[in-house]
Protein backbone atom coordinates (compact mmCIF):
# COMPACT_ATOMS: atom_id res chain seq x y z
CA MET A 1 22.21 1.47 19.53
CA SER A 2 21.24 -1.58 17.46
CA GLU A 3 19.61 -1.57 14.05
CA SER A 4 15.89 -0.88 14.04
CA GLN A 5 13.04 0.01 11.72
CA ASN A 6 14.55 3.46 11.20
CA ILE A 7 18.29 2.77 11.50
CA GLU A 8 20.68 0.79 9.30
CA TYR A 9 24.47 0.40 9.71
CA LYS A 10 26.90 -0.33 6.88
CA SER A 11 30.68 -0.58 7.30
CA SER A 12 31.30 0.61 3.72
CA TRP A 13 29.30 1.93 0.78
CA ARG A 14 27.92 -0.12 -2.10
CA ASP A 15 25.59 1.25 -4.74
CA GLU A 16 23.10 -1.54 -3.96
CA TYR A 17 22.43 0.27 -0.67
CA LEU A 18 20.33 2.67 -2.71
CA LYS A 19 17.70 -0.06 -2.31
CA TRP A 20 17.77 0.53 1.46
CA ILE A 21 17.28 4.25 0.90
CA CYS A 22 14.36 3.40 -1.38
CA GLY A 23 12.91 1.17 1.35
CA PHE A 24 13.12 3.92 3.97
CA ALA A 25 11.58 6.47 1.60
CA ASN A 26 8.59 4.18 0.93
CA ALA A 27 8.07 3.46 4.63
CA GLN A 28 8.50 5.78 7.61
CA GLY A 29 11.87 7.20 6.70
CA GLY A 30 15.13 6.49 8.52
CA ARG A 31 18.87 6.93 8.66
CA ILE A 32 21.70 4.91 7.12
CA PHE A 33 25.15 5.17 8.68
CA ILE A 34 28.12 4.34 6.45
CA GLY A 35 31.26 3.53 8.46
CA LYS A 36 29.61 1.75 11.41
CA ASP A 37 29.44 -1.97 12.22
CA ASP A 38 26.29 -3.92 13.08
CA ASN A 39 26.54 -2.79 16.71
CA GLY A 40 26.68 0.88 15.76
CA GLU A 41 30.38 1.23 16.57
CA VAL A 42 32.41 3.55 14.32
CA VAL A 43 34.87 1.66 12.10
CA GLY A 44 35.54 4.51 9.68
CA VAL A 45 34.80 4.83 6.00
CA LYS A 46 37.31 5.30 3.19
CA ASP A 47 37.04 8.18 0.74
CA ALA A 48 34.43 9.91 2.88
CA LYS A 49 34.82 13.25 1.15
CA ARG A 50 34.41 11.65 -2.28
CA LEU A 51 31.26 9.89 -1.13
CA MET A 52 29.95 13.19 0.21
CA GLU A 53 30.08 14.50 -3.35
CA GLU A 54 28.83 11.37 -5.13
CA LEU A 55 26.00 10.14 -2.89
CA PRO A 56 23.62 13.13 -3.16
CA ASN A 57 23.84 12.97 -6.97
CA LYS A 58 23.32 9.19 -7.09
CA ILE A 59 20.32 9.37 -4.78
CA THR A 60 18.69 12.11 -6.82
CA THR A 61 19.53 10.61 -10.23
CA ILE A 62 18.46 7.01 -9.48
CA LEU A 63 15.72 7.46 -6.88
CA GLY A 64 14.47 10.94 -7.74
CA ILE A 65 14.55 12.17 -4.14
CA ILE A 66 16.78 14.45 -2.07
CA CYS A 67 18.39 13.24 1.15
CA ASP A 68 20.63 15.01 3.65
CA VAL A 69 24.12 13.48 3.59
CA ASN A 70 26.20 14.42 6.63
CA LEU A 71 29.86 13.74 7.47
CA HIS A 72 30.78 13.04 11.11
CA GLU A 73 34.33 12.91 12.49
CA THR A 74 35.29 10.93 15.60
CA ALA A 75 38.45 9.64 17.23
CA ASN A 76 37.76 6.23 15.67
CA GLY A 77 37.35 7.63 12.17
CA GLU A 78 34.81 9.31 9.92
CA TYR A 79 31.34 8.07 9.12
CA ILE A 80 28.50 9.28 6.91
CA GLU A 81 24.88 9.71 7.91
CA ILE A 82 22.17 9.61 5.21
CA VAL A 83 18.85 11.00 6.41
CA VAL A 84 15.87 9.67 4.44
CA GLU A 85 12.49 11.36 4.79
CA PRO A 86 9.26 9.38 4.11
CA GLN A 87 7.94 10.24 0.66
CA PRO A 88 4.29 10.92 -0.26
CA ASN A 89 4.74 9.30 -3.69
CA PRO A 90 6.11 5.81 -4.51
CA VAL A 91 9.90 5.65 -4.94
CA ASN A 92 11.49 2.98 -7.11
CA TYR A 93 15.02 1.73 -7.62
CA LYS A 94 15.43 0.94 -11.32
CA GLY A 95 11.81 -0.20 -11.51
CA GLU A 96 11.90 -2.10 -8.19
CA TYR A 97 9.86 -0.99 -5.18
CA HIS A 98 11.48 -1.65 -1.82
CA TYR A 99 9.97 -1.21 1.64
CA ARG A 100 11.45 -1.11 5.13
CA SER A 101 9.63 -3.39 7.56
CA GLY A 102 11.10 -3.93 11.01
CA SER A 103 14.87 -4.16 10.57
CA THR A 104 14.64 -5.77 7.11
CA LYS A 105 14.16 -4.55 3.55
CA GLN A 106 11.58 -6.20 1.32
CA GLU A 107 10.98 -5.90 -2.41
CA LEU A 108 7.28 -5.41 -3.04
CA LYS A 109 5.73 -7.60 -5.74
CA GLY A 110 2.32 -8.82 -6.83
CA ALA A 111 -0.60 -8.07 -4.52
CA ALA A 112 1.66 -6.38 -1.95
CA LEU A 113 2.90 -3.95 -4.60
CA ASP A 114 -0.64 -3.26 -5.83
CA LYS A 115 -1.78 -2.50 -2.28
CA PHE A 116 1.22 -0.24 -1.66
CA LEU A 117 0.75 1.78 -4.87
CA LEU A 118 -2.97 2.16 -4.26
CA GLY A 119 -2.32 3.24 -0.69
CA LYS A 120 0.03 5.98 -1.87
CA GLN A 121 -2.85 7.24 -4.02
CA GLY A 122 -5.22 7.14 -1.06
CA LYS A 123 -7.22 4.28 -2.59
CA HIS A 124 -8.23 0.77 -1.60
CA TRP A 125 -8.38 -2.33 -3.78
CA ASP A 126 -12.18 -2.32 -3.99
CA SER A 127 -12.31 1.36 -5.00
CA VAL A 128 -10.35 0.91 -8.25
CA PRO A 129 -12.51 1.91 -11.26
CA VAL A 130 -13.21 -0.72 -13.93
CA PRO A 131 -13.51 0.45 -17.56
CA ASN A 132 -15.94 -0.84 -20.17
CA VAL A 133 -18.67 -1.79 -17.69
CA THR A 134 -21.94 0.16 -17.33
CA VAL A 135 -24.93 0.12 -14.98
CA ALA A 136 -26.87 -1.65 -17.75
CA ASP A 137 -24.49 -4.62 -17.37
CA LEU A 138 -25.47 -5.08 -13.73
CA LYS A 139 -28.18 -7.44 -12.50
CA PRO A 140 -31.54 -5.65 -11.83
CA GLU A 141 -32.75 -8.37 -9.48
CA THR A 142 -29.74 -7.78 -7.22
CA PHE A 143 -30.64 -4.09 -6.95
CA ASP A 144 -34.22 -5.03 -5.97
CA PHE A 145 -32.96 -7.46 -3.34
CA PHE A 146 -30.47 -4.89 -2.02
CA ARG A 147 -33.18 -2.23 -1.66
CA LYS A 148 -35.60 -4.54 0.15
CA ARG A 149 -32.99 -5.84 2.57
CA GLY A 150 -31.62 -2.34 3.18
CA ILE A 151 -35.07 -0.96 4.04
CA LYS A 152 -35.93 -3.96 6.20
CA SER A 153 -32.73 -3.55 8.23
CA LYS A 154 -33.37 0.23 8.39
CA ARG A 155 -30.03 0.96 6.78
CA LEU A 156 -31.76 2.56 3.80
CA ASP A 157 -34.69 4.98 3.56
CA ASP A 158 -37.85 4.27 1.58
CA ASP A 159 -36.67 6.87 -0.96
CA VAL A 160 -34.34 4.29 -2.54
CA LEU A 161 -37.39 2.57 -4.03
CA THR A 162 -37.85 5.46 -6.46
CA ASP A 163 -34.17 6.26 -7.02
CA SER A 164 -32.61 4.99 -10.23
CA ASN A 165 -29.81 2.43 -10.02
CA GLU A 166 -27.35 5.15 -11.09
CA ILE A 167 -28.42 7.42 -8.23
CA LEU A 168 -28.25 4.55 -5.76
CA LEU A 169 -24.68 3.71 -6.81
CA ASN A 170 -23.62 7.36 -6.61
CA ASN A 171 -25.12 7.72 -3.13
CA LEU A 172 -23.28 4.57 -2.04
CA LYS A 173 -20.04 6.04 -3.48
CA LEU A 174 -19.66 3.05 -5.78
CA THR A 175 -18.76 5.12 -8.84
CA ASP A 176 -15.67 7.12 -9.72
CA ASN A 177 -15.85 9.78 -12.45
CA GLY A 178 -18.42 7.81 -14.41
CA TYR A 179 -16.74 4.42 -13.91
CA LEU A 180 -18.00 1.59 -11.73
CA LYS A 181 -15.70 0.45 -8.93
CA ARG A 182 -14.58 -3.11 -8.30
CA ALA A 183 -16.87 -3.21 -5.26
CA THR A 184 -19.82 -2.41 -7.53
CA LEU A 185 -19.10 -5.41 -9.73
CA LEU A 186 -18.68 -7.69 -6.73
CA LEU A 187 -22.06 -6.58 -5.40
CA PHE A 188 -24.22 -6.24 -8.50
CA HIS A 189 -22.68 -7.87 -11.59
CA PRO A 190 -24.07 -11.28 -12.64
CA ASP A 191 -20.55 -12.57 -13.43
CA PRO A 192 -17.97 -10.55 -11.45
CA GLU A 193 -15.27 -13.20 -11.96
CA LYS A 194 -15.18 -12.14 -15.59
CA PHE A 195 -13.39 -9.01 -14.35
CA ILE A 196 -12.07 -10.07 -10.93
CA THR A 197 -10.57 -13.56 -10.89
CA ASN A 198 -10.50 -15.85 -7.86
CA ALA A 199 -13.20 -13.85 -6.08
CA TYR A 200 -15.29 -15.48 -3.37
CA ILE A 201 -17.59 -14.66 -0.45
CA LYS A 202 -16.59 -15.59 3.08
CA ILE A 203 -19.48 -15.15 5.51
CA GLY A 204 -18.99 -15.57 9.22
CA TYR A 205 -21.36 -15.55 12.19
CA PHE A 206 -19.78 -14.41 15.45
CA GLU A 207 -21.16 -14.82 18.97
CA SER A 208 -18.64 -12.21 20.15
CA ASP A 209 -15.73 -10.27 18.64
CA SER A 210 -13.54 -13.38 18.78
CA ASP A 211 -15.87 -16.43 18.88
CA LEU A 212 -16.69 -17.65 15.37
CA ILE A 213 -19.84 -19.79 15.42
CA PHE A 214 -20.22 -20.49 11.70
CA GLN A 215 -18.55 -19.67 8.40
CA GLN A 216 -19.24 -20.48 4.76
CA ASN A 217 -17.38 -19.84 1.51
CA ASN A 218 -19.11 -19.04 -1.78
CA ASP A 219 -18.09 -17.38 -5.05
CA LEU A 220 -17.02 -13.71 -4.76
CA GLU A 221 -14.44 -12.17 -2.49
CA LEU A 222 -16.38 -10.35 0.20
CA TRP A 223 -16.20 -10.46 3.96
CA ALA A 224 -19.40 -10.21 5.96
CA THR A 225 -20.11 -10.65 9.63
CA ALA A 226 -23.42 -10.82 11.39
């Protein structure tokens, strides 16, 4: 059996392979075999019994997780199997976040890391709360326009005309424990780039699911299709 998204072979152990365990834990889980070549053939591992004692402690101490570490004996020698379960919370290796994708390991950085950490919390980028911004900082004219267009398209009821802006935002789930979300600022703030840099609108008109007839870029990062 060749290496795959859930299987990794190593002929010997190196402590840097804790990164691979970290990657499996942050993805869908997997198994690492120590004492097998790239084709999955047993080549044997030295000091197997010592590793059986050391590896569980290293994994727990450095990564903060528990993995099953199993010793297998064959006619061609001994090999170790490390079983890594997917973890509900982010796992890091000395402050680095690794992720298993396909048959490779990637270190997550920048936007990819932000997306990963938010995903582990069950959140999306646009749902992140923004401190120090209130409803009073938003643009009233944008609320008026939003109400009129929403009623005209029959996506909103006439009741929104009498609802306060605070109630409207709560009903749209654009607040989080008293804070406005990033999406709120993108929709209603007069200067959203003050808080969210490099934001722009990309509007596209599609004749079908795949045929793009027209597109236009403006300031603010939003996707819209009509």
